[in-house]
Amino acid sequence: MQKGKNHNLGQSFESRNASGCVGDAVLEVHKALKASAFYPKNHPLRNDIVLRAYQLLVAAMGGKDLSLLVSRNGLASTGGEPPLQNTQAATSLARELFAREIQQLSFLPQLSMKEFEDFLSLLTVDPQKILTDGGMEQILADRAIINIMTNEIDISAVFTK
C-alpha cells in the first residue's frame, strides 16, 4: 500500500456518511478474511490487505465502538447509522460469522492490529472446531482479545422455532 494513500485515510471518511464508511470497512474486512485464508502469514499482499481493512475499520469507527448484528442474510449496524447495504461481500462475511454462532460483533475503539489479525485467523478455523473449543467468546477471552466482543447464539434454537 502506498504511503500517500494511508496519510489521508481518515480525512476521506469524514466527508462520507457513516453507512458508507461501515460498508467500505465490511468489504475490506471480507477481503482481509479471504486473504488470511489464502496467503501464508507473512506474504506482503496479505499484510497489505489486512492493514487496509484494519485502517478502514478504525476510520469507520471514528473513535467509537462499532457493533454489527449478524444474520445468515447479512449484517446490520446497531449504532443508529443508516442501514448497511448487504452486498455479496457483506453477506458472505455474515455467513462466516453466523456459522460460528456469532449474533453480534462489536469492535471497541482500542482495537489493535494484532487483535484484528488474531480475530481474522480465528475466522479461518473450521466453525465446528470453534464450537468444540468453547465458542468464539471463550476463544477470544483465552487469547486476550479484549477489544472484539461477540454475542453467541444457539443455532439449534433457530431451527426449532
C-alpha atoms as a PDB file:
ATOM      1  CA  MET A   1       0.000   0.000   0.000  1.00  0.00           C
ATOM      2  CA  GLN A   2       1.352   3.428  -0.870  1.00  0.00           C
ATOM      3  CA  LYS A   3       2.194   5.750   1.961  1.00  0.00           C
ATOM      4  CA  GLY A   4       0.338   8.713   0.460  1.00  0.00           C
ATOM      5  CA  LYS A   5      -2.923   6.792   0.458  1.00  0.00           C
ATOM      6  CA  ASN A   6      -2.616   5.984   4.172  1.00  0.00           C
ATOM      7  CA  HIS A   7      -1.841   9.560   5.162  1.00  0.00           C
ATOM      8  CA  ASN A   8      -5.254  10.989   4.259  1.00  0.00           C
ATOM      9  CA  LEU A   9      -7.318   7.917   5.054  1.00  0.00           C
ATOM     10  CA  GLY A  10      -9.211   9.434   7.991  1.00  0.00           C
ATOM     11  CA  GLN A  11      -9.920  12.688   6.158  1.00  0.00           C
ATOM     12  CA  SER A  12     -11.627  10.943   3.243  1.00  0.00           C
ATOM     13  CA  PHE A  13     -14.016   9.180   5.626  1.00  0.00           C
ATOM     14  CA  GLU A  14     -15.012  12.352   7.468  1.00  0.00           C
ATOM     15  CA  SER A  15     -16.776  13.612   4.360  1.00  0.00           C
ATOM     16  CA  ARG A  16     -18.771  10.392   3.827  1.00  0.00           C
ATOM     17  CA  ASN A  17     -21.836   9.158   5.677  1.00  0.00           C
ATOM     18  CA  ALA A  18     -21.494   6.564   8.415  1.00  0.00           C
ATOM     19  CA  SER A  19     -23.218   3.830   6.414  1.00  0.00           C
ATOM     20  CA  GLY A  20     -20.745   4.227   3.550  1.00  0.00           C
ATOM     21  CA  CYS A  21     -17.778   4.074   5.904  1.00  0.00           C
ATOM     22  CA  VAL A  22     -19.022   0.977   7.677  1.00  0.00           C
ATOM     23  CA  GLY A  23     -19.951  -0.629   4.367  1.00  0.00           C
ATOM     24  CA  ASP A  24     -16.468   0.040   2.988  1.00  0.00           C
ATOM     25  CA  ALA A  25     -14.915  -1.363   6.162  1.00  0.00           C
ATOM     26  CA  VAL A  26     -17.085  -4.504   5.950  1.00  0.00           C
ATOM     27  CA  LEU A  27     -16.000  -5.017   2.333  1.00  0.00           C
ATOM     28  CA  GLU A  28     -12.332  -4.699   3.292  1.00  0.00           C
ATOM     29  CA  VAL A  29     -12.724  -6.985   6.324  1.00  0.00           C
ATOM     30  CA  HIS A  30     -14.211  -9.593   3.984  1.00  0.00           C
ATOM     31  CA  LYS A  31     -11.240  -9.189   1.626  1.00  0.00           C
ATOM     32  CA  ALA A  32      -8.846  -9.478   4.575  1.00  0.00           C
ATOM     33  CA  LEU A  33     -10.556 -12.660   5.727  1.00  0.00           C
ATOM     34  CA  LYS A  34     -10.170 -14.189   2.263  1.00  0.00           C
ATOM     35  CA  ALA A  35      -6.528 -13.073   2.075  1.00  0.00           C
ATOM     36  CA  SER A  36      -5.861 -14.536   5.540  1.00  0.00           C
ATOM     37  CA  ALA A  37      -7.209 -17.872   4.429  1.00  0.00           C
ATOM     38  CA  PHE A  38      -5.369 -17.842   1.095  1.00  0.00           C
ATOM     39  CA  TYR A  39      -1.910 -16.298   1.591  1.00  0.00           C
ATOM     40  CA  PRO A  40       0.771 -17.511   4.021  1.00  0.00           C
ATOM     41  CA  LYS A  41       1.190 -15.486   7.222  1.00  0.00           C
ATOM     42  CA  ASN A  42       3.991 -13.106   6.146  1.00  0.00           C
ATOM     43  CA  HIS A  43       3.033 -12.703   2.499  1.00  0.00           C
ATOM     44  CA  PRO A  44       3.294  -8.979   1.551  1.00  0.00           C
ATOM     45  CA  LEU A  45      -0.048  -8.903  -0.269  1.00  0.00           C
ATOM     46  CA  ARG A  46      -1.805 -10.481   2.699  1.00  0.00           C
ATOM     47  CA  ASN A  47      -0.199  -7.937   5.035  1.00  0.00           C
ATOM     48  CA  ASP A  48      -1.282  -5.023   2.798  1.00  0.00           C
ATOM     49  CA  ILE A  49      -4.884  -6.245   2.535  1.00  0.00           C
ATOM     50  CA  VAL A  50      -5.181  -6.846   6.292  1.00  0.00           C
ATOM     51  CA  LEU A  51      -3.610  -3.469   7.092  1.00  0.00           C
ATOM     52  CA  ARG A  52      -6.011  -1.669   4.750  1.00  0.00           C
ATOM     53  CA  ALA A  53      -9.003  -3.441   6.313  1.00  0.00           C
ATOM     54  CA  TYR A  54      -7.809  -2.522   9.802  1.00  0.00           C
ATOM     55  CA  GLN A  55      -7.286   1.114   8.830  1.00  0.00           C
ATOM     56  CA  LEU A  56     -10.715   1.381   7.197  1.00  0.00           C
ATOM     57  CA  LEU A  57     -12.371  -0.278  10.182  1.00  0.00           C
ATOM     58  CA  VAL A  58     -10.689   2.104  12.629  1.00  0.00           C
ATOM     59  CA  ALA A  59     -11.597   5.075  10.425  1.00  0.00           C
ATOM     60  CA  ALA A  60     -15.229   3.919  10.200  1.00  0.00           C
ATOM     61  CA  MET A  61     -15.329   3.579  13.987  1.00  0.00           C
ATOM     62  CA  GLY A  62     -14.331   7.232  14.383  1.00  0.00           C
ATOM     63  CA  GLY A  63     -13.106   6.695  17.943  1.00  0.00           C
ATOM     64  CA  LYS A  64     -16.324   4.954  18.999  1.00  0.00           C
ATOM     65  CA  ASP A  65     -17.326   1.321  19.238  1.00  0.00           C
ATOM     66  CA  LEU A  66     -18.899  -0.330  16.219  1.00  0.00           C
ATOM     67  CA  SER A  67     -21.429  -3.126  16.595  1.00  0.00           C
ATOM     68  CA  LEU A  68     -22.881  -5.242  13.841  1.00  0.00           C
ATOM     69  CA  LEU A  69     -25.883  -7.545  14.081  1.00  0.00           C
ATOM     70  CA  VAL A  70     -25.347 -10.777  12.207  1.00  0.00           C
ATOM     71  CA  SER A  71     -27.902 -12.918  10.429  1.00  0.00           C
ATOM     72  CA  ARG A  72     -27.467 -15.530   7.762  1.00  0.00           C
ATOM     73  CA  ASN A  73     -28.745 -12.954   5.239  1.00  0.00           C
ATOM     74  CA  GLY A  74     -26.415 -10.090   6.068  1.00  0.00           C
ATOM     75  CA  LEU A  75     -25.234  -7.509   8.553  1.00  0.00           C
ATOM     76  CA  ALA A  76     -26.878  -4.516  10.191  1.00  0.00           C
ATOM     77  CA  SER A  77     -25.303  -1.705  12.173  1.00  0.00           C
ATOM     78  CA  THR A  78     -26.616  -1.120  15.685  1.00  0.00           C
ATOM     79  CA  GLY A  79     -25.353   2.420  16.181  1.00  0.00           C
ATOM     80  CA  GLY A  80     -28.290   4.259  14.640  1.00  0.00           C
ATOM     81  CA  GLU A  81     -26.490   4.709  11.324  1.00  0.00           C
ATOM     82  CA  PRO A  82     -28.414   4.250   8.090  1.00  0.00           C
ATOM     83  CA  PRO A  83     -28.883   0.580   7.132  1.00  0.00           C
ATOM     84  CA  LEU A  84     -25.910  -1.222   5.628  1.00  0.00           C
ATOM     85  CA  GLN A  85     -26.157  -2.300   2.042  1.00  0.00           C
ATOM     86  CA  ASN A  86     -25.885  -6.081   2.144  1.00  0.00           C
ATOM     87  CA  THR A  87     -23.553  -6.628  -0.757  1.00  0.00           C
ATOM     88  CA  GLN A  88     -22.257 -10.053  -1.717  1.00  0.00           C
ATOM     89  CA  ALA A  89     -19.159  -9.439   0.450  1.00  0.00           C
ATOM     90  CA  ALA A  90     -21.243  -8.391   3.477  1.00  0.00           C
ATOM     91  CA  THR A  91     -23.500 -11.412   3.089  1.00  0.00           C
ATOM     92  CA  SER A  92     -20.505 -13.731   2.746  1.00  0.00           C
ATOM     93  CA  LEU A  93     -18.880 -12.257   5.859  1.00  0.00           C
ATOM     94  CA  ALA A  94     -22.188 -12.564   7.727  1.00  0.00           C
ATOM     95  CA  ARG A  95     -22.392 -16.253   6.805  1.00  0.00           C
ATOM     96  CA  GLU A  96     -18.871 -16.860   8.133  1.00  0.00           C
ATOM     97  CA  LEU A  97     -19.807 -15.167  11.412  1.00  0.00           C
ATOM     98  CA  PHE A  98     -23.190 -16.891  11.611  1.00  0.00           C
ATOM     99  CA  ALA A  99     -21.583 -20.305  11.057  1.00  0.00           C
ATOM    100  CA  ARG A 100     -19.514 -19.624  14.187  1.00  0.00           C
ATOM    101  CA  GLU A 101     -22.703 -18.742  16.085  1.00  0.00           C
ATOM    102  CA  ILE A 102     -21.938 -15.021  16.272  1.00  0.00           C
ATOM    103  CA  GLN A 103     -25.081 -12.943  16.580  1.00  0.00           C
ATOM    104  CA  GLN A 104     -23.459  -9.609  17.301  1.00  0.00           C
ATOM    105  CA  LEU A 105     -19.908  -8.468  16.611  1.00  0.00           C
ATOM    106  CA  SER A 106     -18.517  -5.414  18.396  1.00  0.00           C
ATOM    107  CA  PHE A 107     -15.217  -3.649  17.815  1.00  0.00           C
ATOM    108  CA  LEU A 108     -14.026  -1.296  20.564  1.00  0.00           C
ATOM    109  CA  PRO A 109     -12.028   1.879  19.839  1.00  0.00           C
ATOM    110  CA  GLN A 110      -8.821   0.497  21.390  1.00  0.00           C
ATOM    111  CA  LEU A 111      -8.699  -2.302  18.785  1.00  0.00           C
ATOM    112  CA  SER A 112      -5.111  -3.184  17.932  1.00  0.00           C
ATOM    113  CA  MET A 113      -3.797  -4.515  14.664  1.00  0.00           C
ATOM    114  CA  LYS A 114      -2.691  -7.707  16.440  1.00  0.00           C
ATOM    115  CA  GLU A 115      -6.189  -8.324  17.837  1.00  0.00           C
ATOM    116  CA  PHE A 116      -7.669  -7.756  14.400  1.00  0.00           C
ATOM    117  CA  GLU A 117      -5.223 -10.204  12.790  1.00  0.00           C
ATOM    118  CA  ASP A 118      -5.848 -12.785  15.505  1.00  0.00           C
ATOM    119  CA  PHE A 119      -9.606 -12.434  15.027  1.00  0.00           C
ATOM    120  CA  LEU A 120      -9.276 -12.915  11.266  1.00  0.00           C
ATOM    121  CA  SER A 121      -7.209 -16.040  11.847  1.00  0.00           C
ATOM    122  CA  LEU A 122      -9.989 -17.388  14.089  1.00  0.00           C
ATOM    123  CA  LEU A 123     -12.484 -16.847  11.278  1.00  0.00           C
ATOM    124  CA  THR A 124     -10.405 -19.149   9.063  1.00  0.00           C
ATOM    125  CA  VAL A 125     -10.756 -22.018  11.561  1.00  0.00           C
ATOM    126  CA  ASP A 126     -13.437 -24.613  10.859  1.00  0.00           C
ATOM    127  CA  PRO A 127     -16.673 -23.498  12.567  1.00  0.00           C
ATOM    128  CA  GLN A 128     -17.115 -26.873  14.288  1.00  0.00           C
ATOM    129  CA  LYS A 129     -13.665 -26.555  15.883  1.00  0.00           C
ATOM    130  CA  ILE A 130     -14.620 -23.109  17.212  1.00  0.00           C
ATOM    131  CA  LEU A 131     -17.694 -24.644  18.824  1.00  0.00           C
ATOM    132  CA  THR A 132     -15.848 -27.620  20.314  1.00  0.00           C
ATOM    133  CA  ASP A 133     -13.182 -25.260  21.713  1.00  0.00           C
ATOM    134  CA  GLY A 134     -15.833 -23.420  23.728  1.00  0.00           C
ATOM    135  CA  GLY A 135     -17.206 -20.941  21.209  1.00  0.00           C
ATOM    136  CA  MET A 136     -15.904 -17.649  19.896  1.00  0.00           C
ATOM    137  CA  GLU A 137     -16.493 -15.742  23.156  1.00  0.00           C
ATOM    138  CA  GLN A 138     -14.390 -18.233  25.098  1.00  0.00           C
ATOM    139  CA  ILE A 139     -11.616 -18.325  22.493  1.00  0.00           C
ATOM    140  CA  LEU A 140     -11.423 -14.521  22.366  1.00  0.00           C
ATOM    141  CA  ALA A 141     -11.075 -14.444  26.152  1.00  0.00           C
ATOM    142  CA  ASP A 142      -8.455 -17.215  26.120  1.00  0.00           C
ATOM    143  CA  ARG A 143      -6.400 -15.291  23.550  1.00  0.00           C
ATOM    144  CA  ALA A 144      -6.755 -11.982  25.429  1.00  0.00           C
ATOM    145  CA  ILE A 145      -8.604 -10.323  22.541  1.00  0.00           C
ATOM    146  CA  ILE A 146     -10.485  -7.789  24.635  1.00  0.00           C
ATOM    147  CA  ASN A 147     -11.411  -5.168  22.016  1.00  0.00           C
ATOM    148  CA  ILE A 148     -13.532  -7.511  19.917  1.00  0.00           C
ATOM    149  CA  MET A 149     -16.640  -8.905  21.534  1.00  0.00           C
ATOM    150  CA  THR A 150     -19.186 -11.398  20.282  1.00  0.00           C
ATOM    151  CA  ASN A 151     -22.580 -12.494  21.458  1.00  0.00           C
ATOM    152  CA  GLU A 152     -23.252 -16.054  20.517  1.00  0.00           C
ATOM    153  CA  ILE A 153     -26.493 -17.690  19.538  1.00  0.00           C
ATOM    154  CA  ASP A 154     -27.640 -21.279  19.664  1.00  0.00           C
ATOM    155  CA  ILE A 155     -28.228 -22.227  16.027  1.00  0.00           C
ATOM    156  CA  SER A 156     -30.288 -25.277  17.011  1.00  0.00           C
ATOM    157  CA  ALA A 157     -32.788 -22.973  18.743  1.00  0.00           C
ATOM    158  CA  VAL A 158     -33.226 -21.033  15.494  1.00  0.00           C
ATOM    159  CA  PHE A 159     -34.220 -24.161  13.594  1.00  0.00           C
ATOM    160  CA  THR A 160     -36.591 -25.489  16.257  1.00  0.00           C
ATOM    161  CA  LYS A 161     -38.673 -22.307  16.492  1.00  0.00           C
END
